[in-house]
N, C-alpha and C. Protein backbone atom coordinates (compact mmCIF):
# COMPACT_ATOMS: atom_id res chain seq x y z
N UNK A 1 178.70 120.65 127.59
CA UNK A 1 179.51 119.47 127.34
C UNK A 1 178.81 118.49 126.52
N UNK A 2 179.47 117.91 125.49
CA UNK A 2 178.87 117.02 124.54
C UNK A 2 178.75 115.67 125.17
N UNK A 3 177.63 115.06 125.12
CA UNK A 3 177.48 113.76 125.69
C UNK A 3 178.40 112.73 125.03
N UNK A 4 178.80 111.71 125.79
CA UNK A 4 179.89 110.87 125.34
C UNK A 4 179.46 110.09 124.01
N UNK A 5 178.13 109.67 123.95
CA UNK A 5 177.70 108.98 122.70
C UNK A 5 177.93 109.88 121.49
N UNK A 6 177.64 111.21 121.63
CA UNK A 6 177.72 112.12 120.50
C UNK A 6 179.22 112.31 119.99
N UNK A 7 180.19 112.00 120.86
CA UNK A 7 181.63 112.04 120.45
C UNK A 7 181.93 110.86 119.57
N UNK A 8 181.10 109.93 119.58
CA UNK A 8 181.29 108.71 118.68
C UNK A 8 180.77 108.91 117.27
N UNK A 9 180.08 110.13 116.99
CA UNK A 9 179.47 110.34 115.67
C UNK A 9 180.58 111.27 115.03
N UNK A 10 181.36 110.60 114.29
CA UNK A 10 182.67 111.25 113.68
C UNK A 10 182.37 112.08 112.43
N UNK A 11 182.77 113.33 112.42
CA UNK A 11 182.64 114.22 111.21
C UNK A 11 183.96 114.97 111.01
N UNK A 12 184.68 115.22 112.05
CA UNK A 12 185.89 116.00 111.83
C UNK A 12 187.05 115.09 111.16
N UNK A 13 187.76 115.70 110.11
CA UNK A 13 188.78 114.87 109.50
C UNK A 13 189.73 114.25 110.39
N UNK A 14 190.11 114.94 111.46
CA UNK A 14 191.11 114.43 112.35
C UNK A 14 190.59 113.13 113.06
N UNK A 15 189.29 113.23 113.40
CA UNK A 15 188.65 111.96 114.10
C UNK A 15 188.49 110.88 113.06
N UNK A 16 188.21 111.22 111.87
CA UNK A 16 188.05 110.10 110.88
C UNK A 16 189.44 109.50 110.56
N UNK A 17 190.42 110.36 110.45
CA UNK A 17 191.86 109.90 110.19
C UNK A 17 192.26 108.90 111.34
N UNK A 18 191.96 109.36 112.54
CA UNK A 18 192.34 108.44 113.70
C UNK A 18 191.63 107.09 113.64
N UNK A 19 190.36 106.99 113.13
CA UNK A 19 189.64 105.81 113.10
C UNK A 19 190.21 104.97 111.95
N UNK A 20 190.52 105.59 110.79
CA UNK A 20 190.99 104.87 109.70
C UNK A 20 192.43 104.25 109.83
N UNK A 21 193.17 104.91 110.69
CA UNK A 21 194.51 104.47 110.95
C UNK A 21 194.57 103.17 111.74
N UNK A 22 193.44 102.84 112.37
CA UNK A 22 193.33 101.68 113.15
C UNK A 22 192.56 100.49 112.58
N UNK A 23 192.04 100.64 111.37
CA UNK A 23 191.27 99.51 110.72
C UNK A 23 192.18 98.63 109.90
N UNK A 24 191.82 97.30 109.90
CA UNK A 24 192.49 96.36 109.06
C UNK A 24 191.52 95.47 108.39
N UNK A 25 190.30 95.24 109.14
CA UNK A 25 189.36 94.19 108.67
C UNK A 25 188.05 94.87 108.51
N UNK A 26 187.44 94.81 107.32
CA UNK A 26 186.27 95.57 107.08
C UNK A 26 185.14 94.58 106.58
N UNK A 27 184.10 94.50 107.34
CA UNK A 27 182.92 93.75 106.78
C UNK A 27 182.07 94.74 105.97
N UNK A 28 181.67 94.26 104.77
CA UNK A 28 180.96 95.01 103.82
C UNK A 28 179.48 94.51 103.81
N UNK A 29 178.66 95.34 104.43
CA UNK A 29 177.12 94.98 104.43
C UNK A 29 176.49 95.46 103.20
N UNK A 30 176.01 94.50 102.37
CA UNK A 30 175.46 94.80 101.09
C UNK A 30 176.39 94.62 99.97
N UNK A 31 177.50 93.91 100.18
CA UNK A 31 178.54 93.72 99.19
C UNK A 31 177.85 93.05 97.89
N UNK A 32 178.38 93.39 96.76
CA UNK A 32 178.02 92.80 95.57
C UNK A 32 179.01 92.08 94.81
N UNK A 33 178.64 91.09 94.01
CA UNK A 33 179.73 90.31 93.31
C UNK A 33 180.24 90.96 92.10
N UNK A 34 181.29 90.50 91.50
CA UNK A 34 181.84 91.19 90.27
C UNK A 34 180.92 91.35 89.11
N UNK A 35 179.69 90.61 89.14
CA UNK A 35 178.74 90.75 87.99
C UNK A 35 178.17 92.12 88.11
N UNK A 36 178.45 92.76 89.24
CA UNK A 36 177.85 94.14 89.54
C UNK A 36 178.97 95.08 89.71
N UNK A 37 180.04 94.93 88.93
CA UNK A 37 181.26 95.74 89.08
C UNK A 37 181.05 97.27 88.85
N UNK A 38 179.95 97.58 88.25
CA UNK A 38 179.66 98.96 88.05
C UNK A 38 179.00 99.65 89.29
N UNK A 39 178.77 98.83 90.24
CA UNK A 39 178.07 99.30 91.46
C UNK A 39 179.17 99.55 92.54
N UNK A 40 178.96 100.62 93.32
CA UNK A 40 179.88 100.96 94.43
C UNK A 40 180.08 99.88 95.43
N UNK A 41 179.10 99.00 95.65
CA UNK A 41 179.07 97.98 96.63
C UNK A 41 180.08 96.79 96.06
N UNK A 42 180.57 97.01 94.89
CA UNK A 42 181.70 96.01 94.48
C UNK A 42 182.97 96.70 94.40
N UNK A 43 182.91 97.90 93.63
CA UNK A 43 184.17 98.52 93.39
C UNK A 43 184.86 99.27 94.52
N UNK A 44 184.07 99.68 95.50
CA UNK A 44 184.64 100.29 96.78
C UNK A 44 185.35 99.21 97.50
N UNK A 45 184.70 98.08 97.84
CA UNK A 45 185.41 97.08 98.62
C UNK A 45 186.71 96.54 97.75
N UNK A 46 186.52 96.42 96.49
CA UNK A 46 187.59 95.96 95.69
C UNK A 46 188.88 96.89 95.81
N UNK A 47 188.54 98.23 95.76
CA UNK A 47 189.73 99.22 95.90
C UNK A 47 190.25 99.21 97.28
N UNK A 48 189.38 99.01 98.34
CA UNK A 48 189.88 98.95 99.62
C UNK A 48 190.78 97.74 99.85
N UNK A 49 190.40 96.59 99.31
CA UNK A 49 191.29 95.42 99.28
C UNK A 49 192.53 95.66 98.62
N UNK A 50 192.57 96.38 97.52
CA UNK A 50 193.76 96.76 96.82
C UNK A 50 194.75 97.68 97.72
N UNK A 51 194.07 98.42 98.51
CA UNK A 51 194.86 99.41 99.40
C UNK A 51 195.29 98.65 100.68
N UNK A 52 195.00 97.35 100.73
CA UNK A 52 195.60 96.60 101.86
C UNK A 52 194.70 96.09 103.02
N UNK A 53 193.47 96.47 102.89
CA UNK A 53 192.43 96.04 103.92
C UNK A 53 191.94 94.68 103.58
N UNK A 54 191.58 93.86 104.68
CA UNK A 54 190.90 92.63 104.58
C UNK A 54 189.43 92.78 104.46
N UNK A 55 188.82 92.37 103.41
CA UNK A 55 187.39 92.52 103.06
C UNK A 55 186.65 91.32 103.43
N UNK A 56 185.50 91.50 104.17
CA UNK A 56 184.68 90.37 104.51
C UNK A 56 183.22 90.64 103.91
N UNK A 57 182.84 90.09 102.88
CA UNK A 57 181.53 90.36 102.23
C UNK A 57 180.38 89.84 103.06
N UNK A 58 179.33 90.62 103.25
CA UNK A 58 178.08 90.26 103.81
C UNK A 58 177.01 90.60 102.88
N UNK A 59 176.35 89.65 102.35
CA UNK A 59 175.37 89.94 101.34
C UNK A 59 174.00 89.86 101.90
N UNK A 60 173.06 90.81 101.46
CA UNK A 60 171.70 90.82 101.98
C UNK A 60 170.77 90.53 100.83
N UNK A 61 171.22 90.54 99.70
CA UNK A 61 170.39 90.21 98.48
C UNK A 61 170.46 88.76 98.17
N UNK A 62 169.78 88.28 97.15
CA UNK A 62 169.69 86.81 96.94
C UNK A 62 170.90 86.22 96.30
N UNK A 63 172.09 86.86 96.29
CA UNK A 63 173.29 86.38 95.60
C UNK A 63 173.64 84.97 96.18
N UNK A 64 173.99 84.04 95.32
CA UNK A 64 174.39 82.78 95.82
C UNK A 64 175.93 82.55 95.76
N UNK A 65 176.65 83.61 95.52
CA UNK A 65 178.10 83.46 95.44
C UNK A 65 178.66 83.00 96.73
N UNK A 66 179.61 82.06 96.61
CA UNK A 66 180.29 81.54 97.85
C UNK A 66 181.49 82.46 98.17
N UNK A 67 181.95 83.24 97.24
CA UNK A 67 183.04 84.13 97.47
C UNK A 67 182.74 85.48 96.69
N UNK A 68 183.27 86.50 97.30
CA UNK A 68 183.34 87.87 96.56
C UNK A 68 184.75 88.31 96.95
N UNK A 69 185.37 88.80 95.92
CA UNK A 69 186.79 89.26 96.04
C UNK A 69 187.67 88.28 96.80
N UNK A 70 187.44 86.97 96.46
CA UNK A 70 188.28 85.86 96.93
C UNK A 70 187.96 85.60 98.48
N UNK A 71 186.99 86.15 99.03
CA UNK A 71 186.69 86.00 100.46
C UNK A 71 185.35 85.32 100.63
N UNK A 72 185.20 84.52 101.62
CA UNK A 72 183.83 83.76 101.89
C UNK A 72 182.88 84.80 102.12
N UNK A 73 181.66 84.50 101.69
CA UNK A 73 180.49 85.42 101.90
C UNK A 73 179.73 84.97 103.07
N UNK A 74 179.19 85.92 103.88
CA UNK A 74 178.42 85.68 105.04
C UNK A 74 177.11 86.34 104.84
N UNK A 75 176.07 85.78 105.45
CA UNK A 75 174.74 86.32 105.32
C UNK A 75 174.34 87.36 106.40
N UNK A 76 175.03 87.24 107.52
CA UNK A 76 174.71 88.15 108.68
C UNK A 76 176.07 88.55 109.24
N UNK A 77 176.13 89.77 109.77
CA UNK A 77 177.42 90.17 110.46
C UNK A 77 177.77 89.43 111.65
N UNK A 78 176.81 88.98 112.39
CA UNK A 78 177.04 88.23 113.56
C UNK A 78 177.71 86.84 113.36
N UNK A 79 177.59 86.45 112.11
CA UNK A 79 178.27 85.08 111.71
C UNK A 79 179.72 85.28 111.23
N UNK A 80 180.14 86.51 111.10
CA UNK A 80 181.54 86.80 110.72
C UNK A 80 182.48 86.66 111.98
N UNK A 81 183.49 85.79 111.81
CA UNK A 81 184.40 85.64 112.93
C UNK A 81 185.04 86.92 113.31
N UNK A 82 185.02 87.25 114.61
CA UNK A 82 185.69 88.43 115.12
C UNK A 82 187.07 88.48 114.90
N UNK A 83 187.78 89.61 114.89
CA UNK A 83 187.18 90.91 115.10
C UNK A 83 186.88 91.58 113.77
N UNK A 84 185.81 92.52 113.90
CA UNK A 84 185.42 93.36 112.76
C UNK A 84 185.85 94.79 113.30
N UNK A 85 186.81 95.34 112.54
CA UNK A 85 187.12 96.72 112.92
C UNK A 85 186.13 97.72 112.48
N UNK A 86 185.49 97.50 111.23
CA UNK A 86 184.54 98.50 110.72
C UNK A 86 183.63 97.74 109.86
N UNK A 87 182.35 98.22 109.91
CA UNK A 87 181.39 97.69 108.95
C UNK A 87 181.05 98.82 107.96
N UNK A 88 181.38 98.64 106.65
CA UNK A 88 181.06 99.50 105.58
C UNK A 88 179.62 99.11 105.05
N UNK A 89 178.76 100.09 105.15
CA UNK A 89 177.25 99.82 104.85
C UNK A 89 176.87 100.37 103.57
N UNK A 90 176.44 99.48 102.67
CA UNK A 90 175.85 99.70 101.42
C UNK A 90 174.35 99.34 101.35
N UNK A 91 173.49 100.00 102.20
CA UNK A 91 172.12 99.72 102.29
C UNK A 91 171.40 101.05 102.34
N UNK A 92 170.16 101.09 101.80
CA UNK A 92 169.44 102.31 101.81
C UNK A 92 169.10 102.80 103.20
N UNK A 93 169.07 104.06 103.47
CA UNK A 93 168.90 104.63 104.86
C UNK A 93 167.56 103.94 105.47
N UNK A 94 166.49 103.87 104.67
CA UNK A 94 165.29 103.29 105.18
C UNK A 94 165.47 101.82 105.55
N UNK A 95 166.46 101.05 105.01
CA UNK A 95 166.61 99.71 105.44
C UNK A 95 167.50 99.47 106.61
N UNK A 96 168.16 100.53 107.13
CA UNK A 96 169.04 100.34 108.22
C UNK A 96 168.49 99.86 109.53
N UNK A 97 167.31 100.27 109.82
CA UNK A 97 166.70 99.80 111.20
C UNK A 97 166.68 98.24 111.23
N UNK A 98 166.48 97.60 110.17
CA UNK A 98 166.40 96.14 110.10
C UNK A 98 167.82 95.41 110.39
N UNK A 99 168.81 96.13 110.29
CA UNK A 99 170.19 95.69 110.53
C UNK A 99 170.83 96.03 111.90
N UNK A 100 169.99 96.87 112.68
CA UNK A 100 170.59 97.32 113.94
C UNK A 100 170.87 96.18 114.90
N UNK A 101 170.00 95.20 115.06
CA UNK A 101 170.28 94.11 115.99
C UNK A 101 171.51 93.37 115.57
N UNK A 102 171.74 93.09 114.31
CA UNK A 102 172.93 92.37 113.78
C UNK A 102 174.12 93.22 113.94
N UNK A 103 174.00 94.59 113.61
CA UNK A 103 175.20 95.40 113.90
C UNK A 103 175.65 95.43 115.42
N UNK A 104 174.68 95.47 116.24
CA UNK A 104 174.95 95.52 117.68
C UNK A 104 175.55 94.25 118.12
N UNK A 105 175.07 93.10 117.67
CA UNK A 105 175.53 91.80 118.05
C UNK A 105 176.95 91.61 117.51
N UNK A 106 177.24 92.11 116.42
CA UNK A 106 178.65 91.87 115.78
C UNK A 106 179.56 92.81 116.56
N UNK A 107 179.11 93.97 117.12
CA UNK A 107 179.97 94.82 117.91
C UNK A 107 181.29 95.21 117.34
N UNK A 108 181.15 95.76 116.05
CA UNK A 108 182.37 96.34 115.46
C UNK A 108 182.86 97.61 116.23
N UNK A 109 184.08 98.00 115.96
CA UNK A 109 184.53 99.25 116.58
C UNK A 109 183.88 100.44 115.91
N UNK A 110 183.56 100.31 114.62
CA UNK A 110 182.90 101.39 113.94
C UNK A 110 181.90 100.92 112.85
N UNK A 111 181.03 101.77 112.44
CA UNK A 111 180.15 101.55 111.42
C UNK A 111 180.15 102.76 110.42
N UNK A 112 180.30 102.58 109.18
CA UNK A 112 180.44 103.64 108.14
C UNK A 112 179.36 103.54 107.18
N UNK A 113 178.45 104.56 107.14
CA UNK A 113 177.41 104.60 106.11
C UNK A 113 177.89 105.32 104.91
N UNK A 114 177.93 104.66 103.73
CA UNK A 114 178.50 105.22 102.50
C UNK A 114 177.83 106.48 102.06
N UNK A 115 178.47 107.13 101.03
CA UNK A 115 177.87 108.31 100.54
C UNK A 115 176.49 108.17 100.20
N UNK A 116 175.66 109.21 100.55
CA UNK A 116 174.24 109.15 100.38
C UNK A 116 173.34 108.47 101.32
N UNK A 117 174.05 107.82 102.34
CA UNK A 117 173.34 107.07 103.42
C UNK A 117 173.49 107.75 104.63
N UNK A 118 172.31 108.20 105.17
CA UNK A 118 172.26 108.80 106.50
C UNK A 118 171.00 108.41 107.15
N UNK A 119 171.13 107.95 108.41
CA UNK A 119 169.99 107.64 109.32
C UNK A 119 170.36 108.04 110.79
N UNK A 120 169.93 109.14 111.17
CA UNK A 120 170.41 109.64 112.47
C UNK A 120 169.92 108.77 113.58
N UNK A 121 168.72 108.25 113.48
CA UNK A 121 168.20 107.41 114.60
C UNK A 121 169.07 106.11 114.71
N UNK A 122 169.39 105.50 113.63
CA UNK A 122 170.27 104.31 113.74
C UNK A 122 171.67 104.63 114.15
N UNK A 123 172.16 105.76 113.67
CA UNK A 123 173.52 106.21 114.07
C UNK A 123 173.54 106.44 115.58
N UNK A 124 172.56 107.10 116.10
CA UNK A 124 172.53 107.40 117.53
C UNK A 124 172.40 106.04 118.35
N UNK A 125 171.64 105.04 118.00
CA UNK A 125 171.59 103.74 118.58
C UNK A 125 172.89 103.09 118.69
N UNK A 126 173.63 103.13 117.45
CA UNK A 126 174.96 102.51 117.50
C UNK A 126 175.97 103.36 118.40
N UNK A 127 175.95 104.59 118.28
CA UNK A 127 176.85 105.45 119.12
C UNK A 127 176.57 105.19 120.60
N UNK A 128 175.32 105.16 120.96
CA UNK A 128 175.00 104.93 122.43
C UNK A 128 175.44 103.53 122.89
N UNK A 129 175.70 102.68 121.95
CA UNK A 129 176.09 101.31 122.33
C UNK A 129 177.71 101.21 122.28
N UNK A 130 178.31 102.39 121.99
CA UNK A 130 179.75 102.38 122.10
C UNK A 130 180.51 102.17 120.76
N UNK A 131 179.71 102.29 119.69
CA UNK A 131 180.25 102.12 118.35
C UNK A 131 180.44 103.48 117.70
N UNK A 132 181.61 103.71 117.04
CA UNK A 132 181.88 104.96 116.33
C UNK A 132 181.05 104.86 115.09
N UNK A 133 180.60 106.05 114.61
CA UNK A 133 179.68 106.06 113.31
C UNK A 133 180.18 107.17 112.56
N UNK A 134 180.25 106.95 111.18
CA UNK A 134 180.47 107.96 110.17
C UNK A 134 179.21 107.84 109.23
N UNK A 135 178.75 108.88 108.74
CA UNK A 135 177.61 108.83 107.96
C UNK A 135 177.84 109.65 106.63
N UNK A 136 177.28 109.21 105.44
CA UNK A 136 177.28 109.87 104.23
C UNK A 136 178.66 110.29 103.74
N UNK A 137 179.65 109.31 103.79
CA UNK A 137 181.00 109.60 103.25
C UNK A 137 181.42 108.27 102.58
N UNK A 138 182.27 108.49 101.63
CA UNK A 138 182.87 107.29 100.89
C UNK A 138 184.12 106.83 101.58
N UNK A 139 184.11 105.54 102.04
CA UNK A 139 185.26 105.08 102.74
C UNK A 139 186.39 104.89 101.76
N UNK A 140 186.21 104.58 100.51
CA UNK A 140 187.30 104.48 99.62
C UNK A 140 188.03 105.87 99.49
N UNK A 141 187.34 106.94 99.32
CA UNK A 141 187.85 108.17 99.12
C UNK A 141 188.59 108.64 100.43
N UNK A 142 187.93 108.46 101.55
CA UNK A 142 188.54 108.93 102.73
C UNK A 142 189.69 108.07 103.13
N UNK A 143 189.72 106.74 102.94
CA UNK A 143 190.85 105.95 103.23
C UNK A 143 192.00 106.28 102.38
N UNK A 144 191.76 106.54 101.12
CA UNK A 144 192.83 107.04 100.20
C UNK A 144 193.51 108.34 100.62
N UNK A 145 192.63 109.19 101.26
CA UNK A 145 193.23 110.51 101.57
C UNK A 145 193.56 110.70 103.04
N UNK A 146 192.87 109.95 103.91
CA UNK A 146 193.06 110.15 105.41
C UNK A 146 193.72 108.98 106.05
N UNK A 147 193.66 107.78 105.30
CA UNK A 147 194.12 106.57 106.04
C UNK A 147 195.66 106.53 106.12
N UNK A 148 196.20 105.42 106.57
CA UNK A 148 197.65 105.26 106.75
C UNK A 148 198.28 105.11 105.36
N UNK A 149 199.38 105.75 105.28
CA UNK A 149 200.20 105.61 104.04
C UNK A 149 199.74 106.49 103.02
């Protein structure tokens, strides 16, 4: 029998589809301003916003922008007013442990590590805390193909 926390590590398309059908508000950890439009941390949230999701930018770099994609910028996930359905993560795998406390305090329903980002230890911590986790997948692509509509 698979432990309950492992069931929160989503890999099957049906499980990912089920998650995506219930999200409306996405905090983007590592969001970039339009001056970085060539970076996925800007164009993925922009595309998701176009697809109807509410985007909440959370910057971790020294950007001083008050808004990204017309939404107020936050410096930490825990400062984002609830609820957060999903946190879309644009941080290097080795930087993820520094964000665990903030992720746990924010208590989103799910955390999504973008394409190329995988940290099994962090994913396990989040899953054991009751948070669904997707690793190394593009939210924009999956939302377009598996999400509602």
